[in-house]
Amino acid sequence: MKRQRDIKRRIAVALRRYLVEKLPCKKYRGYFGCSQDFMRAFIRSQFADGESWQGFGVRWKIGHVLAAGYFDMENEQDRRLCWNWMNLRVTRGAEVRRMLSADEALNIFGDRVEVFPENEAIGGLIVKAYELREKNKSNKMELGELRSRYEQREWTGPAESLVETR
């Protein structure tokens, strides 16, 4: 877990330097999937009126469409999907901490694939979003079954144990 956090932190710092500070990033730029100029234009296209690069960290931040926590940072392919420009978005205020649902992510990816159909990462990101959606459906069904058993007194454990952590 610590190794995953370290990898995520290093790439996040590299991304900030690459985008905001316009510094070269030989080691990590392959994860971003595009040139520095293209990525800056893509992020700038999401600015609200009056926003600029100077507002980074104060007025806006760079977030993920599919949260970084859904990816295994020790897996090269997952890192390349997680940090690809297609999985990045500008976030503000309360949006910064809110993770998008799989359906919200699929809507964003659907819009982006129409404009950028040649992007190699979009297929992998869409698959990840569908996997997440199916996992969430499965977890809800399991939780519903456990709640039903508890309500019928077939469950003897405390109510908190109904929520299974994975």
C-alpha atoms as a PDB file:
ATOM      1  CA  MET A   1       0.000   0.000   0.000  1.00  0.00           C
ATOM      2  CA  LYS A   2       2.806   2.408   0.859  1.00  0.00           C
ATOM      3  CA  ARG A   3       4.531   1.611  -2.436  1.00  0.00           C
ATOM      4  CA  GLN A   4       1.297   2.399  -4.324  1.00  0.00           C
ATOM      5  CA  ARG A   5       1.007   5.768  -2.531  1.00  0.00           C
ATOM      6  CA  ASP A   6       4.650   6.573  -3.306  1.00  0.00           C
ATOM      7  CA  ILE A   7       4.189   5.801  -7.004  1.00  0.00           C
ATOM      8  CA  LYS A   8       0.982   7.847  -7.136  1.00  0.00           C
ATOM      9  CA  ARG A   9       2.636  10.801  -5.380  1.00  0.00           C
ATOM     10  CA  ARG A  10       5.676  10.776  -7.699  1.00  0.00           C
ATOM     11  CA  ILE A  11       3.515  10.739 -10.827  1.00  0.00           C
ATOM     12  CA  ALA A  12       1.177  13.442  -9.421  1.00  0.00           C
ATOM     13  CA  VAL A  13       4.160  15.716  -8.710  1.00  0.00           C
ATOM     14  CA  ALA A  14       5.556  15.012 -12.184  1.00  0.00           C
ATOM     15  CA  LEU A  15       2.169  15.836 -13.730  1.00  0.00           C
ATOM     16  CA  ARG A  16       1.971  19.143 -11.883  1.00  0.00           C
ATOM     17  CA  ARG A  17       5.487  20.090 -12.965  1.00  0.00           C
ATOM     18  CA  TYR A  18       4.778  18.991 -16.540  1.00  0.00           C
ATOM     19  CA  LEU A  19       1.513  20.916 -16.827  1.00  0.00           C
ATOM     20  CA  VAL A  20       1.607  23.878 -14.525  1.00  0.00           C
ATOM     21  CA  GLU A  21       5.327  24.622 -14.370  1.00  0.00           C
ATOM     22  CA  LYS A  22       5.967  23.526 -17.996  1.00  0.00           C
ATOM     23  CA  LEU A  23       9.013  21.469 -16.985  1.00  0.00           C
ATOM     24  CA  PRO A  24      10.188  18.521 -19.073  1.00  0.00           C
ATOM     25  CA  CYS A  25       9.286  15.113 -17.696  1.00  0.00           C
ATOM     26  CA  LYS A  26      11.202  12.372 -19.495  1.00  0.00           C
ATOM     27  CA  LYS A  27      10.568   9.677 -16.902  1.00  0.00           C
ATOM     28  CA  TYR A  28       6.775  10.017 -16.619  1.00  0.00           C
ATOM     29  CA  ARG A  29       5.537  11.747 -19.783  1.00  0.00           C
ATOM     30  CA  GLY A  30       4.757   8.368 -21.373  1.00  0.00           C
ATOM     31  CA  TYR A  31       2.016   7.911 -18.776  1.00  0.00           C
ATOM     32  CA  PHE A  32       0.283  11.096 -19.878  1.00  0.00           C
ATOM     33  CA  GLY A  33      -0.228   9.888 -23.449  1.00  0.00           C
ATOM     34  CA  CYS A  34       0.260  13.195 -25.270  1.00  0.00           C
ATOM     35  CA  SER A  35       2.556  16.146 -25.690  1.00  0.00           C
ATOM     36  CA  GLN A  36       2.865  18.833 -23.067  1.00  0.00           C
ATOM     37  CA  ASP A  37       1.299  21.440 -25.377  1.00  0.00           C
ATOM     38  CA  PHE A  38      -1.681  19.206 -26.181  1.00  0.00           C
ATOM     39  CA  MET A  39      -2.304  18.364 -22.523  1.00  0.00           C
ATOM     40  CA  ARG A  40      -2.080  22.011 -21.480  1.00  0.00           C
ATOM     41  CA  ALA A  41      -4.601  22.930 -24.184  1.00  0.00           C
ATOM     42  CA  PHE A  42      -6.891  20.084 -23.086  1.00  0.00           C
ATOM     43  CA  ILE A  43      -6.792  21.164 -19.429  1.00  0.00           C
ATOM     44  CA  ARG A  44      -7.106  24.853 -20.353  1.00  0.00           C
ATOM     45  CA  SER A  45     -10.260  24.017 -22.348  1.00  0.00           C
ATOM     46  CA  GLN A  46     -11.869  23.004 -19.044  1.00  0.00           C
ATOM     47  CA  PHE A  47     -11.112  26.291 -17.259  1.00  0.00           C
ATOM     48  CA  ALA A  48     -14.113  28.349 -16.150  1.00  0.00           C
ATOM     49  CA  ASP A  49     -14.222  32.071 -16.931  1.00  0.00           C
ATOM     50  CA  GLY A  50     -11.427  33.891 -15.146  1.00  0.00           C
ATOM     51  CA  GLU A  51      -9.398  30.763 -14.358  1.00  0.00           C
ATOM     52  CA  SER A  52      -5.735  30.497 -15.246  1.00  0.00           C
ATOM     53  CA  TRP A  53      -2.703  28.349 -14.520  1.00  0.00           C
ATOM     54  CA  GLN A  54      -1.980  30.557 -11.498  1.00  0.00           C
ATOM     55  CA  GLY A  55      -5.196  29.270  -9.887  1.00  0.00           C
ATOM     56  CA  PHE A  56      -3.917  25.691  -9.715  1.00  0.00           C
ATOM     57  CA  GLY A  57      -4.168  24.342  -6.181  1.00  0.00           C
ATOM     58  CA  VAL A  58      -6.287  27.302  -5.049  1.00  0.00           C
ATOM     59  CA  ARG A  59      -9.264  27.628  -7.430  1.00  0.00           C
ATOM     60  CA  TRP A  60      -8.930  24.324  -9.254  1.00  0.00           C
ATOM     61  CA  LYS A  61      -7.056  21.010  -9.242  1.00  0.00           C
ATOM     62  CA  ILE A  62      -6.459  18.165 -11.611  1.00  0.00           C
ATOM     63  CA  GLY A  63      -8.588  15.145 -10.795  1.00  0.00           C
ATOM     64  CA  HIS A  64      -9.273  11.786 -12.357  1.00  0.00           C
ATOM     65  CA  VAL A  65     -12.421  10.749 -14.175  1.00  0.00           C
ATOM     66  CA  LEU A  66     -11.952   7.247 -12.764  1.00  0.00           C
ATOM     67  CA  ALA A  67     -10.327   7.760  -9.360  1.00  0.00           C
ATOM     68  CA  ALA A  68      -6.697   6.732  -8.989  1.00  0.00           C
ATOM     69  CA  GLY A  69      -7.750   4.359  -6.204  1.00  0.00           C
ATOM     70  CA  TYR A  70      -9.383   2.097  -8.803  1.00  0.00           C
ATOM     71  CA  PHE A  71      -6.003   1.423 -10.403  1.00  0.00           C
ATOM     72  CA  ASP A  72      -3.093  -0.736  -9.251  1.00  0.00           C
ATOM     73  CA  MET A  73      -0.126   1.645  -9.250  1.00  0.00           C
ATOM     74  CA  GLU A  74       2.284  -1.287  -9.254  1.00  0.00           C
ATOM     75  CA  ASN A  75       0.859  -2.446 -12.598  1.00  0.00           C
ATOM     76  CA  GLU A  76       2.368  -0.631 -15.574  1.00  0.00           C
ATOM     77  CA  GLN A  77      -0.769  -0.888 -17.726  1.00  0.00           C
ATOM     78  CA  ASP A  78      -2.961   0.455 -14.898  1.00  0.00           C
ATOM     79  CA  ARG A  79      -0.573   3.385 -14.356  1.00  0.00           C
ATOM     80  CA  ARG A  80      -0.735   4.220 -18.054  1.00  0.00           C
ATOM     81  CA  LEU A  81      -4.557   4.200 -17.957  1.00  0.00           C
ATOM     82  CA  CYS A  82      -4.837   6.113 -14.697  1.00  0.00           C
ATOM     83  CA  TRP A  83      -2.570   8.998 -15.713  1.00  0.00           C
ATOM     84  CA  ASN A  84      -3.541   9.192 -19.397  1.00  0.00           C
ATOM     85  CA  TRP A  85      -4.876  12.636 -20.304  1.00  0.00           C
ATOM     86  CA  MET A  86      -8.247  11.054 -21.181  1.00  0.00           C
ATOM     87  CA  ASN A  87      -8.685  10.173 -17.500  1.00  0.00           C
ATOM     88  CA  LEU A  88      -7.875  13.674 -16.228  1.00  0.00           C
ATOM     89  CA  ARG A  89     -10.263  16.544 -15.542  1.00  0.00           C
ATOM     90  CA  VAL A  90     -10.326  19.929 -13.852  1.00  0.00           C
ATOM     91  CA  THR A  91     -12.070  19.879 -10.469  1.00  0.00           C
ATOM     92  CA  ARG A  92     -13.178  22.709  -8.210  1.00  0.00           C
ATOM     93  CA  GLY A  93     -14.490  23.038  -4.668  1.00  0.00           C
ATOM     94  CA  ALA A  94     -16.406  20.001  -3.424  1.00  0.00           C
ATOM     95  CA  GLU A  95     -15.749  18.184  -6.738  1.00  0.00           C
ATOM     96  CA  VAL A  96     -12.131  17.739  -5.697  1.00  0.00           C
ATOM     97  CA  ARG A  97     -12.910  15.024  -3.158  1.00  0.00           C
ATOM     98  CA  ARG A  98     -15.933  13.477  -4.885  1.00  0.00           C
ATOM     99  CA  MET A  99     -15.310  10.325  -6.884  1.00  0.00           C
ATOM    100  CA  LEU A 100     -17.401  10.012  -9.998  1.00  0.00           C
ATOM    101  CA  SER A 101     -19.623   6.979 -10.383  1.00  0.00           C
ATOM    102  CA  ALA A 102     -18.882   4.470 -13.123  1.00  0.00           C
ATOM    103  CA  ASP A 103     -21.869   5.804 -15.106  1.00  0.00           C
ATOM    104  CA  GLU A 104     -20.625   9.398 -14.835  1.00  0.00           C
ATOM    105  CA  ALA A 105     -17.181   8.252 -15.995  1.00  0.00           C
ATOM    106  CA  LEU A 106     -18.711   6.352 -18.919  1.00  0.00           C
ATOM    107  CA  ASN A 107     -20.585   9.493 -19.988  1.00  0.00           C
ATOM    108  CA  ILE A 108     -17.375  11.530 -19.967  1.00  0.00           C
ATOM    109  CA  PHE A 109     -15.440   8.817 -21.817  1.00  0.00           C
ATOM    110  CA  GLY A 110     -18.280   8.532 -24.346  1.00  0.00           C
ATOM    111  CA  ASP A 111     -18.036  12.258 -25.078  1.00  0.00           C
ATOM    112  CA  ARG A 112     -14.257  12.112 -25.341  1.00  0.00           C
ATOM    113  CA  VAL A 113     -14.140   9.069 -27.620  1.00  0.00           C
ATOM    114  CA  GLU A 114     -16.366  10.911 -30.116  1.00  0.00           C
ATOM    115  CA  VAL A 115     -13.847  13.752 -30.310  1.00  0.00           C
ATOM    116  CA  PHE A 116     -10.648  11.676 -29.939  1.00  0.00           C
ATOM    117  CA  PRO A 117     -11.458   8.187 -31.311  1.00  0.00           C
ATOM    118  CA  GLU A 118      -7.807   7.380 -32.039  1.00  0.00           C
ATOM    119  CA  ASN A 119      -6.726   7.515 -28.377  1.00  0.00           C
ATOM    120  CA  GLU A 120      -5.305   4.131 -27.380  1.00  0.00           C
ATOM    121  CA  ALA A 121      -6.210   4.412 -23.680  1.00  0.00           C
ATOM    122  CA  ILE A 122      -9.929   5.114 -24.063  1.00  0.00           C
ATOM    123  CA  GLY A 123     -10.837   1.453 -24.606  1.00  0.00           C
ATOM    124  CA  GLY A 124      -9.045   0.396 -21.437  1.00  0.00           C
ATOM    125  CA  LEU A 125     -10.654   3.209 -19.456  1.00  0.00           C
ATOM    126  CA  ILE A 126     -14.130   2.259 -20.683  1.00  0.00           C
ATOM    127  CA  VAL A 127     -13.492  -1.386 -19.746  1.00  0.00           C
ATOM    128  CA  LYS A 128     -12.350  -0.280 -16.262  1.00  0.00           C
ATOM    129  CA  ALA A 129     -15.504   1.818 -15.826  1.00  0.00           C
ATOM    130  CA  TYR A 130     -17.725  -1.109 -16.854  1.00  0.00           C
ATOM    131  CA  GLU A 131     -15.843  -3.426 -14.461  1.00  0.00           C
ATOM    132  CA  LEU A 132     -16.385  -0.913 -11.670  1.00  0.00           C
ATOM    133  CA  ARG A 133     -20.079  -0.629 -12.494  1.00  0.00           C
ATOM    134  CA  GLU A 134     -20.514  -4.413 -12.459  1.00  0.00           C
ATOM    135  CA  LYS A 135     -18.572  -4.713  -9.196  1.00  0.00           C
ATOM    136  CA  ASN A 136     -20.801  -2.070  -7.604  1.00  0.00           C
ATOM    137  CA  LYS A 137     -23.947  -3.885  -8.802  1.00  0.00           C
ATOM    138  CA  SER A 138     -22.627  -7.168  -7.399  1.00  0.00           C
ATOM    139  CA  ASN A 139     -21.764  -5.554  -4.059  1.00  0.00           C
ATOM    140  CA  LYS A 140     -25.244  -4.007  -3.829  1.00  0.00           C
ATOM    141  CA  MET A 141     -26.883  -7.377  -4.497  1.00  0.00           C
ATOM    142  CA  GLU A 142     -24.712  -9.073  -1.854  1.00  0.00           C
ATOM    143  CA  LEU A 143     -25.449  -6.315   0.644  1.00  0.00           C
ATOM    144  CA  GLY A 144     -29.179  -6.539  -0.116  1.00  0.00           C
ATOM    145  CA  GLU A 145     -29.129 -10.282   0.491  1.00  0.00           C
ATOM    146  CA  LEU A 146     -27.286  -9.841   3.788  1.00  0.00           C
ATOM    147  CA  ARG A 147     -29.701  -7.146   4.937  1.00  0.00           C
ATOM    148  CA  SER A 148     -32.629  -9.396   4.080  1.00  0.00           C
ATOM    149  CA  ARG A 149     -31.107 -12.255   6.075  1.00  0.00           C
ATOM    150  CA  TYR A 150     -30.512  -9.911   8.998  1.00  0.00           C
ATOM    151  CA  GLU A 151     -34.086  -8.618   8.891  1.00  0.00           C
ATOM    152  CA  GLN A 152     -35.342 -12.206   8.906  1.00  0.00           C
ATOM    153  CA  ARG A 153     -33.056 -12.865  11.888  1.00  0.00           C
ATOM    154  CA  GLU A 154     -30.994 -15.390  10.000  1.00  0.00           C
ATOM    155  CA  TRP A 155     -27.974 -13.273  10.808  1.00  0.00           C
ATOM    156  CA  THR A 156     -26.680 -13.182  14.351  1.00  0.00           C
ATOM    157  CA  GLY A 157     -23.768 -10.758  13.978  1.00  0.00           C
ATOM    158  CA  PRO A 158     -23.829  -7.001  14.567  1.00  0.00           C
ATOM    159  CA  ALA A 159     -25.382  -4.842  11.848  1.00  0.00           C
ATOM    160  CA  GLU A 160     -21.996  -3.262  11.044  1.00  0.00           C
ATOM    161  CA  SER A 161     -20.707  -6.650   9.911  1.00  0.00           C
ATOM    162  CA  LEU A 162     -23.216  -6.611   7.059  1.00  0.00           C
ATOM    163  CA  VAL A 163     -20.975  -4.276   5.112  1.00  0.00           C
ATOM    164  CA  GLU A 164     -18.199  -6.383   3.719  1.00  0.00           C
ATOM    165  CA  THR A 165     -14.919  -4.618   3.075  1.00  0.00           C
ATOM    166  CA  ARG A 166     -12.958  -5.731   0.047  1.00  0.00           C
END
